[in-house]
């Protein structure tokens, strides 16, 4: 079979090739992945080699177990000069589409631990090696030694101290040093990756930077039971309510206030989760937005994957308290990983006469995407001018940020005079320190801007400029971002536990003065829907803007 594979690969080579050729046989021992059911060939799982020679993709190099000894092999002919270094890893392709890469088979090769070999121009068979399966896929509750934990802790501490541009903006140096020292001193016993995460994540969140965070590897989640709490939540006046029940039809209505889950009060649960959710400054609204989106995951991080959930609720329009026992749901039932689609929407209403432009995303970075965004905006404001529309509602709620050039383009249509965007040069955005020229079809009517706690990063910048220059009337709730934020982030993986530290490396601020960096942009009119409005799908923020127009 190997002879046949070699022959087929040889025939695929162009006859004009003149580079030296290496015939290399790859071998990898898959016993551990098979014993842990991470690799199941009988169920359709496949094994490949991917590396620098095939752009880390493809299925050309398919390894197979020829003699049933769990050692999988394939042969490949490389073209290249002797001395060329080839980097590669073995990768499992599960039958459900999941891909499992080796973790770090060569720890001495930063930063991904790729395997390496040097072309020699001679045929050879690589030694059989063990597939470097991520430890979390072998035992998700593996306890790391104190020495390993301390090493990772110091790596995190030193990375934060040397890289973050505003470490002491909200917590002074002395307090941070004391926090580092006390947490290091607490590392006296082995613990799992999840327990270590719960020790370190509050330190990262304490920075007050929504672009810096600590995360457990995806492989940790893959090693956990597929059991999640079967509720989606929503906040109203800082009270937590049930929004819906994915995968279940319970006997209590959505809109019920959650009092306790599995004998823990909801207040205790939420307060514990706040400690690990990064936000800019002291922005509670942004943390609540994150919890609304990902409550099931954060709950699992702290309280595990129980087989039953006892939920105590207060029924709507009643003081009656009821308890219900719910079965968990699968992650797929949560539908949290559904493809998110950006919204660029425009409509015109006659009563009252108003144009409504909705933009929930500035994330158009590719040149063709940025150009398409600007072209769309140009066309909208051309229509507004031609129709002589005097009222415009700009809805930027739920806009998590993106390309500053997109936000600046909107400003060119709504500002009363040319204004600078950034307070100083920032690399490729340096041109935005100059006043932004006004657009030819600038809107000079009545502007109303809808905002909320999910407005973050660039959208926080955008709203801060509107607030400072009194451009339009801001309606809704405090934004999640503000006039300054830290970004240019990089992810560092802790050496032993594999936790991913996302750390911002630069500060970006817009050209305003006198604003509080610890708070989001405060609306001119605060409008926050109550639970009845939320459950009925009533948009009270938009209604308020329409009422002002009338």
Protein backbone atom coordinates (compact mmCIF):
# COMPACT_ATOMS: atom_id res chain seq x y z
CA UNK A 1 0.00 0.00 0.00
CA UNK A 2 2.85 2.37 0.83
CA UNK A 3 4.40 1.63 -2.57
CA UNK A 4 1.11 2.53 -4.24
CA UNK A 5 0.77 5.75 -2.25
CA UNK A 6 4.35 6.71 -3.16
CA UNK A 7 3.71 5.98 -6.84
CA UNK A 8 0.55 8.10 -6.93
CA UNK A 9 2.23 11.03 -5.25
CA UNK A 10 5.20 10.75 -7.62
CA UNK A 11 2.94 10.88 -10.66
CA UNK A 12 1.37 14.09 -9.35
CA UNK A 13 4.73 15.93 -9.54
CA UNK A 14 5.41 18.09 -12.60
CA UNK A 15 7.96 16.52 -14.94
CA UNK A 16 9.78 19.83 -15.11
CA UNK A 17 10.61 19.86 -11.39
CA UNK A 18 14.31 20.38 -10.83
CA UNK A 19 14.40 20.91 -7.05
CA UNK A 20 15.84 18.17 -4.83
CA UNK A 21 13.20 15.77 -3.56
CA UNK A 22 12.76 14.17 -0.13
CA UNK A 23 10.59 11.11 0.33
CA UNK A 24 9.41 11.31 3.93
CA UNK A 25 7.31 8.75 5.80
CA UNK A 26 5.35 10.23 8.73
CA UNK A 27 4.45 8.03 11.70
CA UNK A 28 2.37 8.87 14.75
CA UNK A 29 1.17 6.67 17.61
CA UNK A 30 -2.54 7.29 18.26
CA UNK A 31 -3.16 4.94 21.19
CA UNK A 32 -3.85 7.65 23.77
CA UNK A 33 -6.29 9.63 21.57
CA UNK A 34 -8.05 6.34 20.74
CA UNK A 35 -8.22 5.23 24.38
CA UNK A 36 -9.74 8.58 25.36
CA UNK A 37 -12.18 8.45 22.40
CA UNK A 38 -10.74 11.64 20.95
CA UNK A 39 -9.85 9.74 17.79
CA UNK A 40 -12.30 7.12 16.52
CA UNK A 41 -11.42 5.93 13.00
CA UNK A 42 -14.34 3.48 13.01
CA UNK A 43 -16.70 6.45 13.41
CA UNK A 44 -15.20 8.33 10.48
CA UNK A 45 -12.47 10.37 12.20
CA UNK A 46 -9.40 11.02 10.03
CA UNK A 47 -5.80 12.00 10.68
CA UNK A 48 -3.72 14.40 8.58
CA UNK A 49 -0.36 16.14 8.47
CA UNK A 50 -0.52 19.89 7.98
CA UNK A 51 2.29 22.39 7.97
CA UNK A 52 4.20 25.12 6.20
CA UNK A 53 4.31 23.04 3.01
CA UNK A 54 0.50 23.02 2.57
CA UNK A 55 -0.39 26.29 4.28
CA UNK A 56 -1.57 24.40 7.38
CA UNK A 57 -4.65 23.07 5.65
CA UNK A 58 -5.96 20.36 3.37
CA UNK A 59 -6.41 16.59 3.50
CA UNK A 60 -3.74 15.48 1.02
CA UNK A 61 -1.57 13.88 3.68
CA UNK A 62 -3.98 11.32 5.11
CA UNK A 63 -2.40 8.94 7.62
CA UNK A 64 -3.71 5.39 7.96
CA UNK A 65 -3.10 2.44 10.26
CA UNK A 66 -1.81 -0.19 7.87
CA UNK A 67 -1.16 -3.11 10.22
CA UNK A 68 -3.54 -2.41 13.13
CA UNK A 69 -0.89 -1.36 15.67
CA UNK A 70 -2.38 2.14 16.19
CA UNK A 71 0.62 3.70 14.46
CA UNK A 72 -0.68 5.76 11.55
CA UNK A 73 1.52 6.43 8.52
CA UNK A 74 1.69 8.25 5.20
CA UNK A 75 4.41 9.04 2.69
CA UNK A 76 5.00 12.34 0.95
CA UNK A 77 7.54 13.76 -1.47
CA UNK A 78 8.85 17.21 -0.64
CA UNK A 79 10.52 19.54 -3.07
CA UNK A 80 13.08 21.93 -1.68
CA UNK A 81 16.73 22.61 -1.14
CA UNK A 82 18.62 20.57 1.43
CA UNK A 83 18.64 22.40 4.74
CA UNK A 84 15.10 23.76 4.30
CA UNK A 85 13.21 23.63 7.61
CA UNK A 86 9.66 22.25 7.42
CA UNK A 87 7.26 22.80 10.32
CA UNK A 88 4.21 20.61 10.82
CA UNK A 89 1.70 19.11 13.21
CA UNK A 90 -0.59 16.11 13.18
CA UNK A 91 -4.28 16.97 13.26
CA UNK A 92 -7.45 14.99 13.91
CA UNK A 93 -10.53 15.74 11.82
CA UNK A 94 -13.58 14.50 13.74
CA UNK A 95 -16.61 13.18 11.88
CA UNK A 96 -18.66 16.11 13.23
CA UNK A 97 -16.29 18.69 11.74
CA UNK A 98 -14.35 19.39 14.94
CA UNK A 99 -10.59 19.74 14.44
CA UNK A 100 -8.09 18.71 17.12
CA UNK A 101 -4.55 19.95 16.58
CA UNK A 102 -1.58 18.67 18.51
CA UNK A 103 -0.90 20.97 21.44
CA UNK A 104 2.83 21.78 21.58
CA UNK A 105 4.80 18.74 20.42
CA UNK A 106 8.04 20.76 20.36
CA UNK A 107 7.97 23.05 23.44
CA UNK A 108 11.31 24.55 22.42
CA UNK A 109 9.81 25.96 19.20
CA UNK A 110 7.91 29.18 20.00
CA UNK A 111 5.19 30.12 19.76
CA UNK A 112 3.00 27.20 18.75
CA UNK A 113 5.35 24.30 19.48
CA UNK A 114 5.32 23.00 15.89
CA UNK A 115 7.27 19.90 14.97
CA UNK A 116 10.32 20.54 12.75
CA UNK A 117 12.37 18.60 10.27
CA UNK A 118 15.16 19.53 7.89
CA UNK A 119 15.11 18.41 4.26
CA UNK A 120 18.19 16.38 3.32
CA UNK A 121 17.49 15.23 -0.24
CA UNK A 122 17.41 11.62 0.93
CA UNK A 123 14.44 9.29 1.59
CA UNK A 124 13.74 8.63 5.25
CA UNK A 125 11.18 7.41 7.75
CA UNK A 126 10.51 9.66 10.72
CA UNK A 127 10.37 7.90 14.09
CA UNK A 128 6.93 7.06 15.43
CA UNK A 129 5.93 9.73 17.95
CA UNK A 130 2.97 10.08 20.30
CA UNK A 131 0.22 12.44 19.18
CA UNK A 132 0.58 15.40 21.52
CA UNK A 133 -3.00 15.45 22.73
CA UNK A 134 -4.01 18.47 24.76
CA UNK A 135 -3.99 17.52 28.43
CA UNK A 136 -7.53 18.86 28.87
CA UNK A 137 -8.74 16.30 26.32
CA UNK A 138 -7.14 13.50 28.35
CA UNK A 139 -8.29 14.69 31.78
CA UNK A 140 -10.11 18.02 32.00
CA UNK A 141 -9.74 17.99 35.79
CA UNK A 142 -6.02 17.24 35.81
CA UNK A 143 -4.35 18.96 38.76
CA UNK A 144 -1.23 20.95 37.95
CA UNK A 145 1.66 21.00 40.38
CA UNK A 146 2.26 24.03 42.57
CA UNK A 147 5.51 24.65 40.68
CA UNK A 148 3.67 24.68 37.33
CA UNK A 149 0.96 26.99 38.68
CA UNK A 150 3.47 29.42 40.12
CA UNK A 151 5.38 29.47 36.85
CA UNK A 152 2.21 30.32 34.93
CA UNK A 153 1.20 32.91 37.52
CA UNK A 154 4.52 34.72 37.17
CA UNK A 155 4.23 34.56 33.38
CA UNK A 156 0.81 36.22 33.61
CA UNK A 157 1.96 38.84 36.12
CA UNK A 158 5.07 39.78 34.12
CA UNK A 159 3.12 39.91 30.83
CA UNK A 160 0.52 42.24 32.30
CA UNK A 161 3.09 44.49 33.92
CA UNK A 162 5.28 44.82 30.85
CA UNK A 163 2.62 44.99 28.14
CA UNK A 164 -0.55 46.69 29.33
CA UNK A 165 -0.46 50.45 28.66
CA UNK A 166 -2.82 51.53 31.47
CA UNK A 167 -2.47 48.90 34.18
CA UNK A 168 -2.98 51.35 37.04
CA UNK A 169 -5.81 53.43 35.58
CA UNK A 170 -8.40 52.03 38.01
CA UNK A 171 -6.34 50.11 40.58
CA UNK A 172 -3.20 51.75 41.93
CA UNK A 173 0.23 50.11 41.80
CA UNK A 174 0.37 49.31 45.52
CA UNK A 175 -3.00 47.57 45.49
CA UNK A 176 -2.10 45.58 42.39
CA UNK A 177 1.25 44.52 43.86
CA UNK A 178 -0.48 43.38 47.04
CA UNK A 179 -3.01 41.45 44.95
CA UNK A 180 -0.27 39.73 42.98
CA UNK A 181 1.63 38.82 46.13
CA UNK A 182 -1.40 37.48 47.99
CA UNK A 183 -2.58 35.35 45.06
CA UNK A 184 0.90 33.95 44.54
CA UNK A 185 1.12 33.09 48.23
CA UNK A 186 -2.23 31.29 47.98
CA UNK A 187 -0.85 28.83 45.43
CA UNK A 188 0.00 26.12 47.95
CA UNK A 189 -1.72 23.07 46.50
CA UNK A 190 -2.23 21.50 43.08
CA UNK A 191 -5.36 22.60 41.26
CA UNK A 192 -7.16 22.12 37.98
CA UNK A 193 -7.03 24.54 35.09
CA UNK A 194 -10.55 25.74 35.86
CA UNK A 195 -9.71 26.39 39.52
CA UNK A 196 -6.59 28.25 38.45
CA UNK A 197 -8.68 30.32 36.04
CA UNK A 198 -10.99 31.34 38.88
CA UNK A 199 -7.93 32.53 40.82
CA UNK A 200 -6.41 34.55 37.99
CA UNK A 201 -9.36 35.91 35.99
CA UNK A 202 -10.38 38.43 38.70
CA UNK A 203 -6.87 39.90 38.54
CA UNK A 204 -7.16 40.48 34.81
CA UNK A 205 -10.67 41.89 35.16
CA UNK A 206 -9.36 44.26 37.85
CA UNK A 207 -7.40 46.12 35.15
CA UNK A 208 -10.65 47.70 33.95
CA UNK A 209 -9.96 46.93 30.31
CA UNK A 210 -12.61 45.28 28.17
CA UNK A 211 -9.98 44.24 25.61
CA UNK A 212 -7.94 42.24 28.14
CA UNK A 213 -9.23 38.89 29.35
CA UNK A 214 -8.28 35.42 30.53
CA UNK A 215 -9.84 32.35 28.93
CA UNK A 216 -9.74 28.61 29.32
CA UNK A 217 -8.71 26.75 26.16
CA UNK A 218 -11.42 25.42 23.86
CA UNK A 219 -10.09 21.96 24.64
CA UNK A 220 -11.15 22.38 28.26
CA UNK A 221 -14.71 22.91 27.13
CA UNK A 222 -14.44 19.91 24.81
CA UNK A 223 -13.50 17.76 27.78
CA UNK A 224 -16.55 18.76 29.83
CA UNK A 225 -20.03 17.21 29.89
CA UNK A 226 -22.36 18.71 27.33
CA UNK A 227 -24.77 19.92 30.02
CA UNK A 228 -25.69 23.59 30.32
CA UNK A 229 -28.23 25.53 32.33
CA UNK A 230 -31.41 25.67 30.20
CA UNK A 231 -32.26 29.36 30.56
CA UNK A 232 -31.43 32.62 28.88
CA UNK A 233 -31.43 35.66 31.13
CA UNK A 234 -32.16 39.34 30.80
CA UNK A 235 -31.50 42.23 33.18
CA UNK A 236 -34.04 44.92 34.01
CA UNK A 237 -33.15 47.45 36.69
CA UNK A 238 -30.27 45.13 37.74
CA UNK A 239 -32.71 42.30 38.49
CA UNK A 240 -32.23 39.02 36.64
CA UNK A 241 -35.20 37.52 34.82
CA UNK A 242 -35.75 34.45 32.67
CA UNK A 243 -35.85 35.52 29.05
CA UNK A 244 -36.45 32.10 27.50
CA UNK A 245 -35.95 28.36 27.93
CA UNK A 246 -33.92 26.85 25.08
CA UNK A 247 -34.77 23.19 24.63
CA UNK A 248 -37.37 23.09 27.40
CA UNK A 249 -41.05 23.84 27.97
CA UNK A 250 -41.25 24.55 31.71
CA UNK A 251 -44.27 25.14 33.82
CA UNK A 252 -43.33 28.71 34.77
CA UNK A 253 -43.56 31.70 32.44
CA UNK A 254 -40.67 33.57 30.88
CA UNK A 255 -40.30 36.93 32.58
CA UNK A 256 -40.11 35.35 36.03
CA UNK A 257 -37.53 36.82 38.39
CA UNK A 258 -34.76 34.34 39.25
CA UNK A 259 -34.23 34.16 43.00
CA UNK A 260 -31.90 31.17 43.27
CA UNK A 261 -30.29 28.36 41.28
CA UNK A 262 -29.33 25.09 42.97
CA UNK A 263 -29.65 26.70 46.42
CA UNK A 264 -27.43 29.68 45.60
CA UNK A 265 -29.06 33.09 45.51
CA UNK A 266 -29.01 34.86 42.18
CA UNK A 267 -27.29 37.81 43.83
CA UNK A 268 -24.43 35.56 44.95
CA UNK A 269 -24.15 33.99 41.50
CA UNK A 270 -24.13 37.26 39.58
CA UNK A 271 -21.67 38.94 41.95
CA UNK A 272 -19.24 36.05 41.57
CA UNK A 273 -19.47 36.16 37.77
CA UNK A 274 -18.91 39.91 37.67
CA UNK A 275 -15.43 39.34 39.14
CA UNK A 276 -14.18 37.60 35.99
CA UNK A 277 -15.89 39.68 33.27
CA UNK A 278 -13.61 42.45 31.96
CA UNK A 279 -15.14 45.84 31.25
CA UNK A 280 -13.81 49.32 30.61
CA UNK A 281 -13.60 51.10 33.94
CA UNK A 282 -16.50 50.42 36.28
CA UNK A 283 -19.06 49.67 33.61
CA UNK A 284 -21.68 47.33 35.09
CA UNK A 285 -23.99 47.67 32.11
CA UNK A 286 -21.42 46.11 29.80
CA UNK A 287 -20.92 43.19 32.19
CA UNK A 288 -24.66 42.63 32.28
CA UNK A 289 -24.76 42.60 28.48
CA UNK A 290 -22.01 39.96 28.43
CA UNK A 291 -23.91 37.83 30.95
CA UNK A 292 -27.11 38.09 28.94
CA UNK A 293 -25.23 36.67 25.97
CA UNK A 294 -23.12 34.02 27.71
CA UNK A 295 -24.67 33.25 31.09
CA UNK A 296 -24.69 29.48 30.53
CA UNK A 297 -20.93 29.46 29.96
CA UNK A 298 -20.02 31.66 32.90
CA UNK A 299 -22.33 29.69 35.18
CA UNK A 300 -20.57 26.47 34.12
CA UNK A 301 -17.14 28.01 34.78
CA UNK A 302 -18.04 28.63 38.41
CA UNK A 303 -20.63 26.00 39.26
CA UNK A 304 -19.97 23.13 36.88
CA UNK A 305 -22.25 21.00 34.76
CA UNK A 306 -24.90 19.53 37.09
CA UNK A 307 -27.41 16.93 35.92
CA UNK A 308 -30.35 18.93 37.29
CA UNK A 309 -31.09 22.60 37.88
CA UNK A 310 -33.37 23.65 40.73
CA UNK A 311 -34.55 27.16 39.87
CA UNK A 312 -36.49 29.31 42.33
CA UNK A 313 -38.51 32.08 40.68
CA UNK A 314 -40.98 34.83 41.47
CA UNK A 315 -43.87 34.64 39.04
CA UNK A 316 -44.67 37.85 37.06
CA UNK A 317 -47.37 40.11 38.50
CA UNK A 318 -47.36 38.05 41.67
CA UNK A 319 -45.51 37.57 44.92
CA UNK A 320 -45.86 33.81 44.46
CA UNK A 321 -42.54 31.96 44.52
CA UNK A 322 -42.22 28.64 42.71
CA UNK A 323 -39.49 26.09 42.20
CA UNK A 324 -38.93 24.02 39.10
CA UNK A 325 -36.40 21.32 38.31
CA UNK A 326 -35.02 21.49 34.78
CA UNK A 327 -32.84 19.11 32.82
CA UNK A 328 -29.71 20.57 31.22
CA UNK A 329 -29.52 21.32 27.51
CA UNK A 330 -26.78 20.65 25.01
CA UNK A 331 -24.54 23.49 23.90
CA UNK A 332 -26.09 23.31 20.43
CA UNK A 333 -29.50 24.08 21.98
CA UNK A 334 -28.19 27.36 23.37
CA UNK A 335 -27.62 28.62 19.82
CA UNK A 336 -24.89 30.91 21.14
CA UNK A 337 -22.53 30.12 18.29
CA UNK A 338 -24.96 30.97 15.52
CA UNK A 339 -23.52 33.14 12.78
CA UNK A 340 -23.90 36.76 13.80
CA UNK A 341 -24.94 39.04 10.98
CA UNK A 342 -24.16 42.76 10.87
CA UNK A 343 -27.08 45.10 10.42
CA UNK A 344 -27.04 47.98 7.98
CA UNK A 345 -30.66 48.95 7.70
CA UNK A 346 -32.51 52.03 6.55
CA UNK A 347 -36.21 52.85 6.63
CA UNK A 348 -38.47 55.85 6.32
CA UNK A 349 -41.58 56.45 8.42
CA UNK A 350 -44.28 58.98 7.72
CA UNK A 351 -45.79 59.35 11.22
CA UNK A 352 -43.82 61.16 12.38
CA UNK A 353 -41.72 61.84 9.26
CA UNK A 354 -38.33 60.36 10.10
CA UNK A 355 -35.51 58.30 8.60
CA UNK A 356 -34.07 55.50 10.73
CA UNK A 357 -30.53 54.27 10.05
CA UNK A 358 -29.47 51.20 12.07
CA UNK A 359 -25.80 50.22 12.32
CA UNK A 360 -24.90 47.44 14.78
CA UNK A 361 -21.34 46.98 13.59
CA UNK A 362 -18.34 48.98 12.38
CA UNK A 363 -16.31 45.82 11.79
CA UNK A 364 -15.46 46.47 8.15
CA UNK A 365 -11.67 46.30 8.04
CA UNK A 366 -10.87 44.72 4.68
CA UNK A 367 -10.44 47.47 2.04
CA UNK A 368 -13.34 46.20 -0.06
CA UNK A 369 -15.59 45.98 3.03
CA UNK A 370 -14.70 49.49 4.18
CA UNK A 371 -15.34 50.84 0.68
CA UNK A 372 -18.72 49.07 0.50
CA UNK A 373 -19.71 50.45 3.91
CA UNK A 374 -18.82 54.01 2.90
CA UNK A 375 -20.63 53.65 -0.42
CA UNK A 376 -23.75 52.47 1.40
CA UNK A 377 -23.62 55.40 3.83
CA UNK A 378 -23.08 57.84 0.95
CA UNK A 379 -26.17 56.51 -0.79
CA UNK A 380 -28.29 56.75 2.37
CA UNK A 381 -27.44 60.39 2.98
CA UNK A 382 -28.02 61.17 -0.68
CA UNK A 383 -31.52 59.75 -0.35
CA UNK A 384 -32.09 61.71 2.89
CA UNK A 385 -31.07 64.97 1.19
CA UNK A 386 -33.08 64.35 -1.96
CA UNK A 387 -36.18 63.47 0.08
CA UNK A 388 -35.64 66.57 2.24
CA UNK A 389 -35.94 64.51 5.43
CA UNK A 390 -35.60 66.70 8.53
CA UNK A 391 -35.44 64.02 11.25
CA UNK A 392 -32.92 61.20 11.50
CA UNK A 393 -32.72 58.46 14.11
CA UNK A 394 -29.28 56.84 14.15
CA UNK A 395 -29.53 53.50 15.99
CA UNK A 396 -26.11 52.23 17.09
CA UNK A 397 -27.36 49.99 19.87
CA UNK A 398 -25.55 46.64 20.26
CA UNK A 399 -22.65 47.94 18.17
CA UNK A 400 -19.53 46.32 19.60
CA UNK A 401 -17.13 48.51 17.65
CA UNK A 402 -14.80 48.03 14.69
CA UNK A 403 -13.02 50.20 12.16
CA UNK A 404 -12.55 53.86 13.24
CA UNK A 405 -12.58 54.92 9.57
CA UNK A 406 -16.18 53.70 9.34
CA UNK A 407 -17.24 55.67 12.42
CA UNK A 408 -15.39 58.74 11.14
CA UNK A 409 -17.24 58.49 7.84
CA UNK A 410 -20.57 58.73 9.67
CA UNK A 411 -19.27 61.77 11.55
CA UNK A 412 -18.55 63.55 8.26
CA UNK A 413 -22.30 63.52 7.59
CA UNK A 414 -23.64 64.57 11.00
CA UNK A 415 -21.04 66.94 12.52
CA UNK A 416 -21.74 70.66 12.29
CA UNK A 417 -18.11 71.49 11.62
CA UNK A 418 -14.90 69.54 10.89
CA UNK A 419 -13.65 67.87 14.07
CA UNK A 420 -10.64 65.63 14.78
CA UNK A 421 -11.36 62.02 15.68
CA UNK A 422 -8.29 60.88 17.66
CA UNK A 423 -6.38 63.00 20.16
CA UNK A 424 -2.97 62.01 18.75
CA UNK A 425 -1.47 59.96 15.90
CA UNK A 426 -2.08 56.22 16.14
CA UNK A 427 -0.25 54.44 13.35
CA UNK A 428 -2.46 53.87 10.31
CA UNK A 429 -5.14 56.08 11.90
CA UNK A 430 -2.87 59.13 12.03
CA UNK A 431 -4.96 60.96 9.43
CA UNK A 432 -7.87 60.93 11.89
CA UNK A 433 -6.05 63.46 14.08
CA UNK A 434 -6.87 66.06 11.41
CA UNK A 435 -10.36 67.56 11.37
CA UNK A 436 -12.68 65.30 9.38
CA UNK A 437 -13.92 67.12 6.26
CA UNK A 438 -17.67 67.46 6.09
CA UNK A 439 -19.48 65.40 3.48
CA UNK A 440 -21.10 67.09 0.52
CA UNK A 441 -24.56 65.81 1.53
CA UNK A 442 -24.15 66.57 5.22
CA UNK A 443 -27.32 66.15 7.27
CA UNK A 444 -28.35 69.39 9.01
CA UNK A 445 -31.70 68.35 10.47
CA UNK A 446 -32.66 66.93 13.87
CA UNK A 447 -30.53 63.96 14.92
CA UNK A 448 -31.46 61.38 17.58
CA UNK A 449 -28.94 58.65 18.50
CA UNK A 450 -29.99 55.43 20.26
CA UNK A 451 -27.32 53.86 22.51
CA UNK A 452 -26.95 51.07 25.08
CA UNK A 453 -24.52 49.03 27.18
CA UNK A 454 -23.36 46.88 24.28
CA UNK A 455 -21.83 49.90 22.52
CA UNK A 456 -18.13 49.23 22.95
CA UNK A 457 -14.65 50.11 21.69
CA UNK A 458 -14.94 52.24 18.51
CA UNK A 459 -18.63 52.81 19.18
CA UNK A 460 -17.74 54.18 22.61
CA UNK A 461 -15.33 56.55 20.87
CA UNK A 462 -18.02 57.56 18.38
CA UNK A 463 -20.61 58.26 21.10
CA UNK A 464 -18.08 60.21 23.17
CA UNK A 465 -17.44 62.53 20.23
CA UNK A 466 -21.18 63.03 19.76
CA UNK A 467 -21.61 63.81 23.45
CA UNK A 468 -18.65 66.19 23.65
CA UNK A 469 -19.57 68.15 20.52
CA UNK A 470 -23.31 68.03 21.26
CA UNK A 471 -24.04 66.29 17.99
CA UNK A 472 -27.60 65.00 18.19
CA UNK A 473 -29.61 63.87 21.21
CA UNK A 474 -28.45 60.62 22.87
CA UNK A 475 -31.25 58.34 24.07
CA UNK A 476 -31.05 55.01 25.88
CA UNK A 477 -28.58 53.75 28.48
CA UNK A 478 -24.91 54.22 29.35
CA UNK A 479 -22.60 52.83 26.68
CA UNK A 480 -20.20 49.98 27.39
CA UNK A 481 -17.26 51.93 25.97
CA UNK A 482 -16.11 55.49 26.42
CA UNK A 483 -13.76 58.08 24.96
CA UNK A 484 -10.68 55.92 25.55
CA UNK A 485 -9.95 52.23 25.32
CA UNK A 486 -6.99 49.88 25.20
CA UNK A 487 -6.50 47.58 22.24
CA UNK A 488 -3.80 46.33 19.83
CA UNK A 489 -4.29 43.12 21.78
CA UNK A 490 -2.15 40.01 21.73
CA UNK A 491 -2.91 36.55 23.11
CA UNK A 492 -0.30 34.76 25.20
CA UNK A 493 -0.77 31.14 26.27
CA UNK A 494 0.45 30.26 29.74
CA UNK A 495 3.17 27.66 29.48
CA UNK A 496 1.72 24.87 31.61
CA UNK A 497 -2.04 25.32 31.95
CA UNK A 498 -2.60 26.66 28.43
CA UNK A 499 -4.84 29.48 29.66
CA UNK A 500 -5.06 32.24 27.05
CA UNK A 501 -4.21 35.74 28.25
CA UNK A 502 -5.51 38.38 25.86
CA UNK A 503 -3.71 41.58 26.70
CA UNK A 504 -4.11 45.06 25.22
CA UNK A 505 -0.89 46.82 24.30
CA UNK A 506 -1.96 50.31 23.27
CA UNK A 507 -4.34 53.07 24.34
CA UNK A 508 -6.58 54.88 21.85
CA UNK A 509 -8.45 58.03 22.87
CA UNK A 510 -10.61 60.43 20.92
CA UNK A 511 -10.21 64.19 20.97
CA UNK A 512 -12.45 65.21 23.85
CA UNK A 513 -11.91 66.75 27.29
CA UNK A 514 -13.40 66.47 30.74
CA UNK A 515 -15.00 63.02 30.39
CA UNK A 516 -14.77 60.26 33.02
CA UNK A 517 -12.81 57.29 31.66
CA UNK A 518 -14.36 55.07 34.32
CA UNK A 519 -17.86 55.47 32.90
CA UNK A 520 -19.51 54.97 29.56
CA UNK A 521 -21.15 57.78 27.63
CA UNK A 522 -24.25 58.91 29.50
CA UNK A 523 -27.33 59.57 27.35
CA UNK A 524 -29.15 62.90 27.37
CA UNK A 525 -32.35 60.96 28.05
CA UNK A 526 -32.04 57.72 29.99
CA UNK A 527 -34.63 55.20 28.81
CA UNK A 528 -34.40 51.65 30.07
CA UNK A 529 -37.22 49.18 29.31
CA UNK A 530 -38.77 47.29 32.21
CA UNK A 531 -39.27 43.53 32.15
CA UNK A 532 -42.80 43.78 30.76
CA UNK A 533 -41.57 45.85 27.81
CA UNK A 534 -38.69 43.46 27.22
CA UNK A 535 -40.87 40.36 27.24
CA UNK A 536 -43.39 42.00 24.94
CA UNK A 537 -40.70 43.09 22.50
CA UNK A 538 -41.58 46.72 22.97
CA UNK A 539 -38.81 49.12 21.91
CA UNK A 540 -39.30 51.91 24.43
CA UNK A 541 -36.06 53.64 23.43
CA UNK A 542 -37.18 54.04 19.82
CA UNK A 543 -40.66 55.04 21.00
CA UNK A 544 -39.13 57.78 23.15
CA UNK A 545 -37.20 59.16 20.18
CA UNK A 546 -40.33 59.14 18.03
CA UNK A 547 -42.24 60.93 20.79
CA UNK A 548 -39.60 63.68 20.90
CA UNK A 549 -40.01 64.17 17.17
CA UNK A 550 -43.77 64.42 17.43
